[in-house]
Amino acid sequence: MLTIDEIKDVSFRRGRGYRGEDVDAFIDEVVVTFEHMKKEKSDLIRKIDILATRVEQYRADEETVRNALLSSQRVADSSIKEAKAKAAQIVADAEAKAQATLKESNAVTAKQKEVYLKLKSDSAQLRKELENLYNSHLKTINDLPTDAVVLRKQEELNKKYPTAPLEEEDVETVEPVEEPPVEEVSQPVEEPSASQDVEFVNKVEDRFDDLKFGDNFDIDE
């Protein structure tokens, strides 16, 4: 390959061929072209060096970025794994707590149902006792004479044993007796029990057992 200096120093033998001026002009043009190409080559080499430096820098940056991405990926994978483990633990704890709460709620509900049914049973028993007491009282009330019965008996007695009406002076006047004031008792009054009510009914029935009306009544007695 020819250098610029060799091109400049080239010489030709003179003869009848080419004109020397044309050859010299061409050589000068070739020298300019070679110098220009040499400059472009230097520029290209310099640019290539810059590009090579940048490529190396890019490669280094790429390696750094790759390592950062790998590290980020590892951190992300670790975080995801840890988050999944925590989530699974939270879900397990929540399910266990829910089961315990449900079990406790069932126990409380069963206890409340038992108490409720016991109250209902006691209420039913109390209803029976009250019905029996009411029927007993109603029987006692039905056994007592009414105004119509008293009037009818009075008519029967007047008809069977006629008497003259009493004079006003024969009627004894009963002065009302003042009763001593009753002291207030601070102790609570106990309600009569079912047995006491039955005893009262029995006493009332016994009280009226000796009464005789109608044909069984004897005025001499």
Protein backbone atom coordinates (compact mmCIF):
# COMPACT_ATOMS: atom_id res chain seq x y z
CA MET A 1 0.00 0.00 0.00
CA LEU A 2 1.41 3.42 -0.98
CA THR A 3 1.89 6.13 1.55
CA ILE A 4 1.36 9.81 0.96
CA ASP A 5 5.05 10.45 0.99
CA GLU A 6 5.63 7.77 -1.63
CA ILE A 7 2.94 9.27 -3.78
CA LYS A 8 4.53 12.70 -3.41
CA ASP A 9 8.00 11.42 -4.27
CA VAL A 10 6.97 9.29 -7.24
CA SER A 11 8.59 10.17 -10.54
CA PHE A 12 8.03 9.00 -14.05
CA ARG A 13 10.33 8.72 -16.97
CA ARG A 14 9.70 11.27 -19.57
CA GLY A 15 8.74 10.17 -23.03
CA ARG A 16 6.08 10.72 -25.63
CA GLY A 17 3.29 9.47 -23.32
CA TYR A 18 1.41 11.59 -20.77
CA ARG A 19 1.94 15.20 -20.18
CA GLY A 20 3.87 15.94 -17.03
CA GLU A 21 1.51 18.67 -15.92
CA ASP A 22 -1.47 16.34 -16.04
CA VAL A 23 0.37 13.68 -14.12
CA ASP A 24 1.49 16.15 -11.47
CA ALA A 25 -2.03 17.51 -11.15
CA PHE A 26 -3.42 14.03 -10.77
CA ILE A 27 -0.77 13.16 -8.19
CA ASP A 28 -1.62 16.30 -6.24
CA GLU A 29 -5.29 15.35 -6.32
CA VAL A 30 -4.49 11.84 -5.20
CA VAL A 31 -2.37 13.23 -2.35
CA VAL A 32 -5.24 15.49 -1.25
CA THR A 33 -7.63 12.58 -1.42
CA PHE A 34 -5.29 10.36 0.58
CA GLU A 35 -4.76 13.08 3.18
CA HIS A 36 -8.51 13.55 3.45
CA MET A 37 -9.02 9.78 3.75
CA LYS A 38 -6.25 9.64 6.37
CA LYS A 39 -7.97 12.36 8.36
CA GLU A 40 -11.30 10.59 8.06
CA LYS A 41 -9.61 7.38 9.13
CA SER A 42 -8.19 9.12 12.20
CA ASP A 43 -11.59 10.56 12.99
CA LEU A 44 -13.19 7.17 12.54
CA ILE A 45 -10.59 5.52 14.75
CA ARG A 46 -11.16 8.16 17.39
CA LYS A 47 -14.92 7.71 17.14
CA ILE A 48 -14.50 3.96 17.28
CA ASP A 49 -12.41 4.33 20.42
CA ILE A 50 -15.09 6.55 21.94
CA LEU A 51 -17.76 4.10 20.92
CA ALA A 52 -15.71 1.20 22.26
CA THR A 53 -15.29 3.05 25.55
CA ARG A 54 -19.00 3.72 25.65
CA VAL A 55 -19.75 0.12 24.78
CA GLU A 56 -17.55 -1.02 27.63
CA GLN A 57 -19.27 1.47 29.88
CA TYR A 58 -22.65 0.28 28.67
CA ARG A 59 -21.56 -3.29 29.29
CA ALA A 60 -20.47 -2.39 32.78
CA ASP A 61 -23.73 -0.51 33.36
CA GLU A 62 -25.64 -3.42 31.90
CA GLU A 63 -23.89 -5.79 34.28
CA THR A 64 -24.70 -3.44 37.16
CA VAL A 65 -28.30 -3.17 36.05
CA ARG A 66 -28.49 -6.94 35.60
CA ASN A 67 -27.09 -7.50 39.07
CA ALA A 68 -29.51 -4.90 40.46
CA LEU A 69 -32.40 -6.59 38.67
CA LEU A 70 -31.32 -9.98 39.94
CA SER A 71 -30.99 -8.58 43.45
CA SER A 72 -34.38 -6.89 43.15
CA GLN A 73 -35.88 -10.10 41.85
CA ARG A 74 -34.42 -12.04 44.75
CA VAL A 75 -35.73 -9.42 47.21
CA ALA A 76 -39.12 -9.48 45.49
CA ASP A 77 -39.24 -13.28 45.57
CA SER A 78 -38.23 -13.28 49.22
CA SER A 79 -40.80 -10.59 50.05
CA ILE A 80 -43.53 -12.44 48.16
CA LYS A 81 -42.62 -15.69 49.88
CA GLU A 82 -42.59 -14.01 53.29
CA ALA A 83 -45.87 -12.22 52.53
CA LYS A 84 -47.49 -15.48 51.47
CA ALA A 85 -46.24 -17.18 54.62
CA LYS A 86 -47.59 -14.33 56.79
CA ALA A 87 -50.88 -14.34 54.90
CA ALA A 88 -51.21 -18.10 55.36
CA GLN A 89 -50.46 -17.71 59.08
CA ILE A 90 -52.97 -14.87 59.41
CA VAL A 91 -55.62 -16.94 57.62
CA ALA A 92 -54.86 -19.95 59.82
CA ASP A 93 -55.05 -17.83 62.99
CA ALA A 94 -58.29 -16.22 61.79
CA GLU A 95 -59.82 -19.61 61.02
CA ALA A 96 -58.76 -20.97 64.41
CA LYS A 97 -60.15 -17.90 66.16
CA ALA A 98 -63.37 -18.16 64.13
CA GLN A 99 -63.73 -21.82 65.06
CA ALA A 100 -63.15 -21.03 68.73
CA THR A 101 -65.63 -18.15 68.59
CA LEU A 102 -68.18 -20.34 66.80
CA LYS A 103 -67.71 -23.10 69.36
CA GLU A 104 -68.11 -20.62 72.22
CA SER A 105 -71.17 -19.08 70.56
CA ASN A 106 -72.72 -22.51 70.10
CA ALA A 107 -72.08 -23.29 73.76
CA VAL A 108 -73.62 -19.98 74.87
CA THR A 109 -76.58 -20.49 72.52
CA ALA A 110 -77.14 -24.02 73.81
CA LYS A 111 -76.98 -22.74 77.41
CA GLN A 112 -79.42 -19.91 76.66
CA LYS A 113 -81.77 -22.36 74.93
CA GLU A 114 -81.63 -24.60 77.97
CA VAL A 115 -82.38 -21.68 80.27
CA TYR A 116 -85.18 -20.49 77.97
CA LEU A 117 -86.77 -23.94 77.83
CA LYS A 118 -86.43 -24.25 81.62
CA LEU A 119 -88.25 -20.92 82.03
CA LYS A 120 -90.94 -22.09 79.63
CA SER A 121 -91.28 -25.35 81.54
CA ASP A 122 -91.52 -23.48 84.85
CA SER A 123 -94.06 -21.11 83.29
CA ALA A 124 -96.13 -24.07 82.08
CA GLN A 125 -96.00 -25.63 85.54
CA LEU A 126 -96.97 -22.31 87.13
CA ARG A 127 -99.82 -22.02 84.63
CA LYS A 128 -101.10 -25.46 85.67
CA GLU A 129 -100.88 -24.54 89.34
CA LEU A 130 -102.65 -21.22 88.72
CA GLU A 131 -105.36 -22.97 86.68
CA ASN A 132 -105.87 -25.51 89.44
CA LEU A 133 -105.99 -22.73 92.04
CA TYR A 134 -108.33 -20.70 89.84
CA ASN A 135 -110.62 -23.70 89.31
CA SER A 136 -110.58 -24.36 93.06
CA HIS A 137 -111.45 -20.72 93.79
CA LEU A 138 -114.08 -20.79 91.05
CA LYS A 139 -115.64 -23.92 92.59
CA THR A 140 -115.68 -22.20 95.97
CA ILE A 141 -117.28 -19.10 94.43
CA ASN A 142 -119.84 -21.22 92.62
CA ASP A 143 -120.70 -22.93 95.92
CA LEU A 144 -121.49 -19.55 97.53
CA PRO A 145 -125.11 -18.35 97.25
CA THR A 146 -125.99 -15.55 94.86
CA ASP A 147 -128.42 -12.64 95.49
CA ALA A 148 -131.07 -14.51 93.51
CA VAL A 149 -130.62 -17.61 95.69
CA VAL A 150 -130.78 -15.50 98.88
CA LEU A 151 -133.96 -13.78 97.65
CA ARG A 152 -135.51 -17.08 96.68
CA LYS A 153 -134.62 -18.59 100.05
CA GLN A 154 -136.05 -15.54 101.79
CA GLU A 155 -139.30 -15.93 99.91
CA GLU A 156 -139.41 -19.63 100.73
CA LEU A 157 -138.74 -18.94 104.43
CA ASN A 158 -141.35 -16.16 104.57
CA LYS A 159 -143.83 -18.43 102.87
CA LYS A 160 -143.04 -21.43 105.05
CA TYR A 161 -142.51 -19.51 108.32
CA PRO A 162 -144.47 -16.26 108.11
CA THR A 163 -143.55 -13.66 110.74
CA ALA A 164 -144.68 -10.11 111.53
CA PRO A 165 -142.27 -7.31 110.58
CA LEU A 166 -140.13 -5.99 113.42
CA GLU A 167 -140.70 -2.55 114.90
CA GLU A 168 -137.94 0.02 114.70
CA GLU A 169 -137.44 0.00 118.48
CA ASP A 170 -136.98 -3.77 118.41
CA VAL A 171 -134.04 -3.40 116.10
CA GLU A 172 -130.89 -3.03 118.15
CA THR A 173 -128.61 -0.28 117.05
CA VAL A 174 -125.02 -1.39 116.96
CA GLU A 175 -122.59 1.36 117.60
CA PRO A 176 -119.49 1.16 115.47
CA VAL A 177 -116.44 0.18 117.41
CA GLU A 178 -113.31 2.08 116.69
CA GLU A 179 -110.54 -0.25 115.81
CA PRO A 180 -107.05 0.53 117.07
CA PRO A 181 -104.78 1.94 114.41
CA VAL A 182 -102.76 -0.70 112.67
CA GLU A 183 -99.06 -0.12 112.78
CA GLU A 184 -97.35 -0.21 109.47
CA VAL A 185 -95.05 -3.14 109.04
CA SER A 186 -91.86 -2.42 107.18
CA GLN A 187 -91.27 -6.07 106.41
CA PRO A 188 -92.41 -7.19 102.97
CA VAL A 189 -95.68 -9.07 102.83
CA GLU A 190 -95.19 -12.57 101.59
CA GLU A 191 -97.46 -13.72 98.79
CA PRO A 192 -99.50 -16.83 99.68
CA SER A 193 -98.12 -19.96 98.12
CA ALA A 194 -100.14 -22.51 96.17
CA SER A 195 -100.36 -24.78 99.23
CA GLN A 196 -101.59 -21.86 101.36
CA ASP A 197 -104.24 -21.07 98.73
CA VAL A 198 -105.41 -24.68 98.72
CA GLU A 199 -105.51 -24.63 102.54
CA PHE A 200 -107.56 -21.43 102.42
CA VAL A 201 -109.99 -22.98 99.95
CA ASN A 202 -110.33 -26.05 102.16
CA LYS A 203 -111.04 -23.84 105.20
CA VAL A 204 -113.66 -21.90 103.23
CA GLU A 205 -115.32 -25.12 102.10
CA ASP A 206 -115.24 -26.44 105.68
CA ARG A 207 -116.71 -23.15 106.89
CA PHE A 208 -119.79 -23.54 104.70
CA ASP A 209 -120.22 -27.27 105.21
CA ASP A 210 -122.54 -26.72 108.24
CA LEU A 211 -124.81 -24.26 106.44
CA LYS A 212 -128.29 -25.65 105.65
CA PHE A 213 -130.74 -24.16 103.19
CA GLY A 214 -134.15 -25.12 101.89
CA ASP A 215 -135.74 -28.26 103.19
CA ASN A 216 -132.66 -29.08 105.29
CA PHE A 217 -132.99 -25.83 107.26
CA ASP A 218 -134.58 -26.17 110.69
CA ILE A 219 -135.34 -22.87 112.45
CA ASP A 220 -135.33 -24.57 115.85
CA GLU A 221 -131.73 -25.56 115.40
